[in-house]
C-alpha atoms as a PDB file:
ATOM      1  CA  MET A   1     -22.220  15.478  11.803  1.00  0.00           C
ATOM      2  CA  VAL A   2     -24.888  12.831  11.425  1.00  0.00           C
ATOM      3  CA  THR A   3     -24.338   9.663  13.441  1.00  0.00           C
ATOM      4  CA  SER A   4     -26.164   6.380  13.295  1.00  0.00           C
ATOM      5  CA  LEU A   5     -26.097   3.157  15.252  1.00  0.00           C
ATOM      6  CA  LYS A   6     -27.133   1.200  12.164  1.00  0.00           C
ATOM      7  CA  LYS A   7     -24.416  -0.839  10.472  1.00  0.00           C
ATOM      8  CA  PRO A   8     -23.659   0.417   6.917  1.00  0.00           C
ATOM      9  CA  ILE A   9     -24.842  -1.784   4.080  1.00  0.00           C
ATOM     10  CA  THR A  10     -22.255  -4.015   2.476  1.00  0.00           C
ATOM     11  CA  VAL A  11     -20.979  -3.679  -1.055  1.00  0.00           C
ATOM     12  CA  ASP A  12     -22.891  -6.862  -1.940  1.00  0.00           C
ATOM     13  CA  GLU A  13     -26.151  -5.307  -0.724  1.00  0.00           C
ATOM     14  CA  ALA A  14     -25.468  -2.190  -2.783  1.00  0.00           C
ATOM     15  CA  VAL A  15     -24.705  -4.290  -5.865  1.00  0.00           C
ATOM     16  CA  ASN A  16     -27.953  -6.244  -5.408  1.00  0.00           C
ATOM     17  CA  ALA A  17     -29.968  -3.012  -5.262  1.00  0.00           C
ATOM     18  CA  VAL A  18     -28.290  -1.692  -8.419  1.00  0.00           C
ATOM     19  CA  GLN A  19     -28.695  -5.009 -10.277  1.00  0.00           C
ATOM     20  CA  ASP A  20     -32.450  -4.846  -9.721  1.00  0.00           C
ATOM     21  CA  PHE A  21     -32.518  -1.215 -10.902  1.00  0.00           C
ATOM     22  CA  VAL A  22     -30.497  -1.999 -14.047  1.00  0.00           C
ATOM     23  CA  PHE A  23     -32.562  -5.081 -14.877  1.00  0.00           C
ATOM     24  CA  ASN A  24     -35.821  -3.133 -14.591  1.00  0.00           C
ATOM     25  CA  GLN A  25     -34.640   0.032 -16.354  1.00  0.00           C
ATOM     26  CA  LEU A  26     -31.862  -0.762 -18.844  1.00  0.00           C
ATOM     27  CA  GLY A  27     -31.764  -4.383 -19.920  1.00  0.00           C
ATOM     28  CA  ASN A  28     -29.086  -7.014 -20.253  1.00  0.00           C
ATOM     29  CA  LEU A  29     -26.198  -5.233 -22.018  1.00  0.00           C
ATOM     30  CA  ILE A  30     -25.532  -2.953 -19.059  1.00  0.00           C
ATOM     31  CA  GLY A  31     -23.440  -4.519 -16.327  1.00  0.00           C
ATOM     32  CA  LEU A  32     -21.846  -3.262 -13.141  1.00  0.00           C
ATOM     33  CA  GLY A  33     -18.292  -2.134 -12.559  1.00  0.00           C
ATOM     34  CA  GLN A  34     -16.302  -2.194  -9.325  1.00  0.00           C
ATOM     35  CA  PRO A  35     -18.221  -0.259  -6.625  1.00  0.00           C
ATOM     36  CA  LEU A  36     -16.465   2.613  -4.873  1.00  0.00           C
ATOM     37  CA  ARG A  37     -17.163   4.170  -1.487  1.00  0.00           C
ATOM     38  CA  VAL A  38     -17.927   7.888  -1.613  1.00  0.00           C
ATOM     39  CA  ALA A  39     -18.131  10.140   1.443  1.00  0.00           C
ATOM     40  CA  SER A  40     -19.674  13.578   1.694  1.00  0.00           C
ATOM     41  CA  GLY A  41     -20.545  15.886   4.562  1.00  0.00           C
ATOM     42  CA  LEU A  42     -24.118  14.606   4.484  1.00  0.00           C
ATOM     43  CA  GLN A  43     -23.883  10.893   3.836  1.00  0.00           C
ATOM     44  CA  SER A  44     -21.726   8.024   2.686  1.00  0.00           C
ATOM     45  CA  MET A  45     -22.625   6.159  -0.479  1.00  0.00           C
ATOM     46  CA  TRP A  46     -21.591   3.381  -2.790  1.00  0.00           C
ATOM     47  CA  LEU A  47     -20.974   4.517  -6.366  1.00  0.00           C
ATOM     48  CA  VAL A  48     -21.621   1.614  -8.703  1.00  0.00           C
ATOM     49  CA  PRO A  49     -20.427   2.247 -12.275  1.00  0.00           C
ATOM     50  CA  LEU A  50     -22.675   1.127 -15.118  1.00  0.00           C
ATOM     51  CA  VAL A  51     -20.735  -0.500 -17.938  1.00  0.00           C
ATOM     52  CA  LEU A  52     -21.661  -1.488 -21.456  1.00  0.00           C
ATOM     53  CA  THR A  53     -20.893  -5.151 -22.061  1.00  0.00           C
ATOM     54  CA  SER A  54     -20.932  -7.245 -25.188  1.00  0.00           C
ATOM     55  CA  PRO A  55     -20.811 -11.043 -25.684  1.00  0.00           C
ATOM     56  CA  GLY A  56     -17.338 -12.207 -26.579  1.00  0.00           C
ATOM     57  CA  TYR A  57     -15.854  -8.759 -25.923  1.00  0.00           C
ATOM     58  CA  GLY A  58     -16.632  -8.101 -22.279  1.00  0.00           C
ATOM     59  CA  ILE A  59     -16.690  -4.599 -20.835  1.00  0.00           C
ATOM     60  CA  VAL A  60     -16.716  -1.931 -23.542  1.00  0.00           C
ATOM     61  CA  GLY A  61     -16.687   1.069 -21.203  1.00  0.00           C
ATOM     62  CA  VAL A  62     -18.413   3.059 -18.466  1.00  0.00           C
ATOM     63  CA  VAL A  63     -21.746   4.607 -19.463  1.00  0.00           C
ATOM     64  CA  GLY A  64     -22.995   5.968 -16.139  1.00  0.00           C
ATOM     65  CA  GLY A  65     -23.301   5.304 -12.446  1.00  0.00           C
ATOM     66  CA  VAL A  66     -25.719   4.673  -9.588  1.00  0.00           C
ATOM     67  CA  MET A  67     -25.359   5.975  -6.017  1.00  0.00           C
ATOM     68  CA  VAL A  68     -26.600   3.854  -3.100  1.00  0.00           C
ATOM     69  CA  ASP A  69     -26.966   5.322   0.399  1.00  0.00           C
ATOM     70  CA  MET A  70     -24.755   3.299   2.742  1.00  0.00           C
ATOM     71  CA  GLU A  71     -27.007   3.743   5.762  1.00  0.00           C
ATOM     72  CA  PHE A  72     -30.350   2.652   4.339  1.00  0.00           C
ATOM     73  CA  GLY A  73     -29.445   0.914   1.060  1.00  0.00           C
ATOM     74  CA  HIS A  74     -31.678   3.160  -1.056  1.00  0.00           C
ATOM     75  CA  ILE A  75     -30.684   4.276  -4.525  1.00  0.00           C
ATOM     76  CA  VAL A  76     -30.261   8.034  -4.149  1.00  0.00           C
ATOM     77  CA  GLY A  77     -28.953   9.046  -7.556  1.00  0.00           C
ATOM     78  CA  TRP A  78     -28.058   7.844 -11.037  1.00  0.00           C
ATOM     79  CA  THR A  79     -26.963   9.013 -14.420  1.00  0.00           C
ATOM     80  CA  PRO A  80     -30.139   9.925 -16.316  1.00  0.00           C
ATOM     81  CA  LEU A  81     -31.252   6.836 -18.239  1.00  0.00           C
ATOM     82  CA  ASP A  82     -31.379   8.638 -21.587  1.00  0.00           C
ATOM     83  CA  GLU A  83     -27.723   9.631 -21.067  1.00  0.00           C
ATOM     84  CA  VAL A  84     -26.788   6.040 -20.204  1.00  0.00           C
ATOM     85  CA  ARG A  85     -28.424   4.862 -23.435  1.00  0.00           C
ATOM     86  CA  GLU A  86     -26.752   7.660 -25.427  1.00  0.00           C
ATOM     87  CA  ASN A  87     -23.352   6.845 -23.928  1.00  0.00           C
ATOM     88  CA  ALA A  88     -23.876   3.154 -24.738  1.00  0.00           C
ATOM     89  CA  ALA A  89     -24.775   4.004 -28.336  1.00  0.00           C
ATOM     90  CA  LYS A  90     -21.656   6.174 -28.716  1.00  0.00           C
ATOM     91  CA  LEU A  91     -19.413   3.405 -27.359  1.00  0.00           C
ATOM     92  CA  THR A  92     -21.084   0.844 -29.605  1.00  0.00           C
ATOM     93  CA  ASP A  93     -20.521   3.061 -32.644  1.00  0.00           C
ATOM     94  CA  ALA A  94     -16.901   3.750 -31.680  1.00  0.00           C
ATOM     95  CA  HIS A  95     -16.135   0.021 -31.293  1.00  0.00           C
ATOM     96  CA  GLU A  96     -18.498  -1.342 -33.936  1.00  0.00           C
ATOM     97  CA  ASN A  97     -15.999  -3.500 -35.846  1.00  0.00           C
ATOM     98  CA  GLU A  98     -14.349  -4.931 -32.721  1.00  0.00           C
ATOM     99  CA  LEU A  99     -17.711  -5.745 -31.137  1.00  0.00           C
ATOM    100  CA  GLU A 100     -19.048  -7.423 -34.274  1.00  0.00           C
ATOM    101  CA  SER A 101     -15.909  -9.560 -34.622  1.00  0.00           C
ATOM    102  CA  ALA A 102     -15.994 -10.575 -30.964  1.00  0.00           C
ATOM    103  CA  PHE A 103     -19.704 -11.375 -31.196  1.00  0.00           C
ATOM    104  CA  GLN A 104     -19.211 -13.554 -34.280  1.00  0.00           C
ATOM    105  CA  LEU A 105     -16.407 -15.507 -32.561  1.00  0.00           C
ATOM    106  CA  HIS A 106     -18.524 -15.874 -29.431  1.00  0.00           C
ATOM    107  CA  ARG A 107     -21.477 -17.124 -31.477  1.00  0.00           C
ATOM    108  CA  VAL A 108     -19.328 -19.758 -33.202  1.00  0.00           C
ATOM    109  CA  TYR A 109     -17.943 -21.064 -29.886  1.00  0.00           C
ATOM    110  CA  VAL A 110     -21.263 -21.038 -28.055  1.00  0.00           C
ATOM    111  CA  SER A 111     -23.596 -22.411 -30.726  1.00  0.00           C
ATOM    112  CA  PRO A 112     -24.246 -26.157 -30.735  1.00  0.00           C
ATOM    113  CA  SER A 113     -22.631 -28.120 -33.523  1.00  0.00           C
ATOM    114  CA  ALA A 114     -24.776 -29.008 -36.499  1.00  0.00           C
ATOM    115  CA  SER A 115     -25.201 -32.772 -36.463  1.00  0.00           C
END
């Protein structure tokens, strides 16, 4: 068993690392779900789900995940980015009408009034 005197990173630190990764790699329609702790015989990690989001609708569904090492705070694994994009496209297609309706309502409520 591997032991360390270093304090494990917090969930907030893991989320910050994943937010930077998502921003740089995937853009603004991918958000983060509730992180989970995962333990294995080799290391402990945070699993941060990647979720497709849409204005006015919110979370559409999970499209992938990112693993963050709890000891050092490094991203150690993720769903391949092409799969994340493919999963997002499938969810968008499956919920096309609902997403469009929610977006239109959101646009009406957020846009400034014409004066």
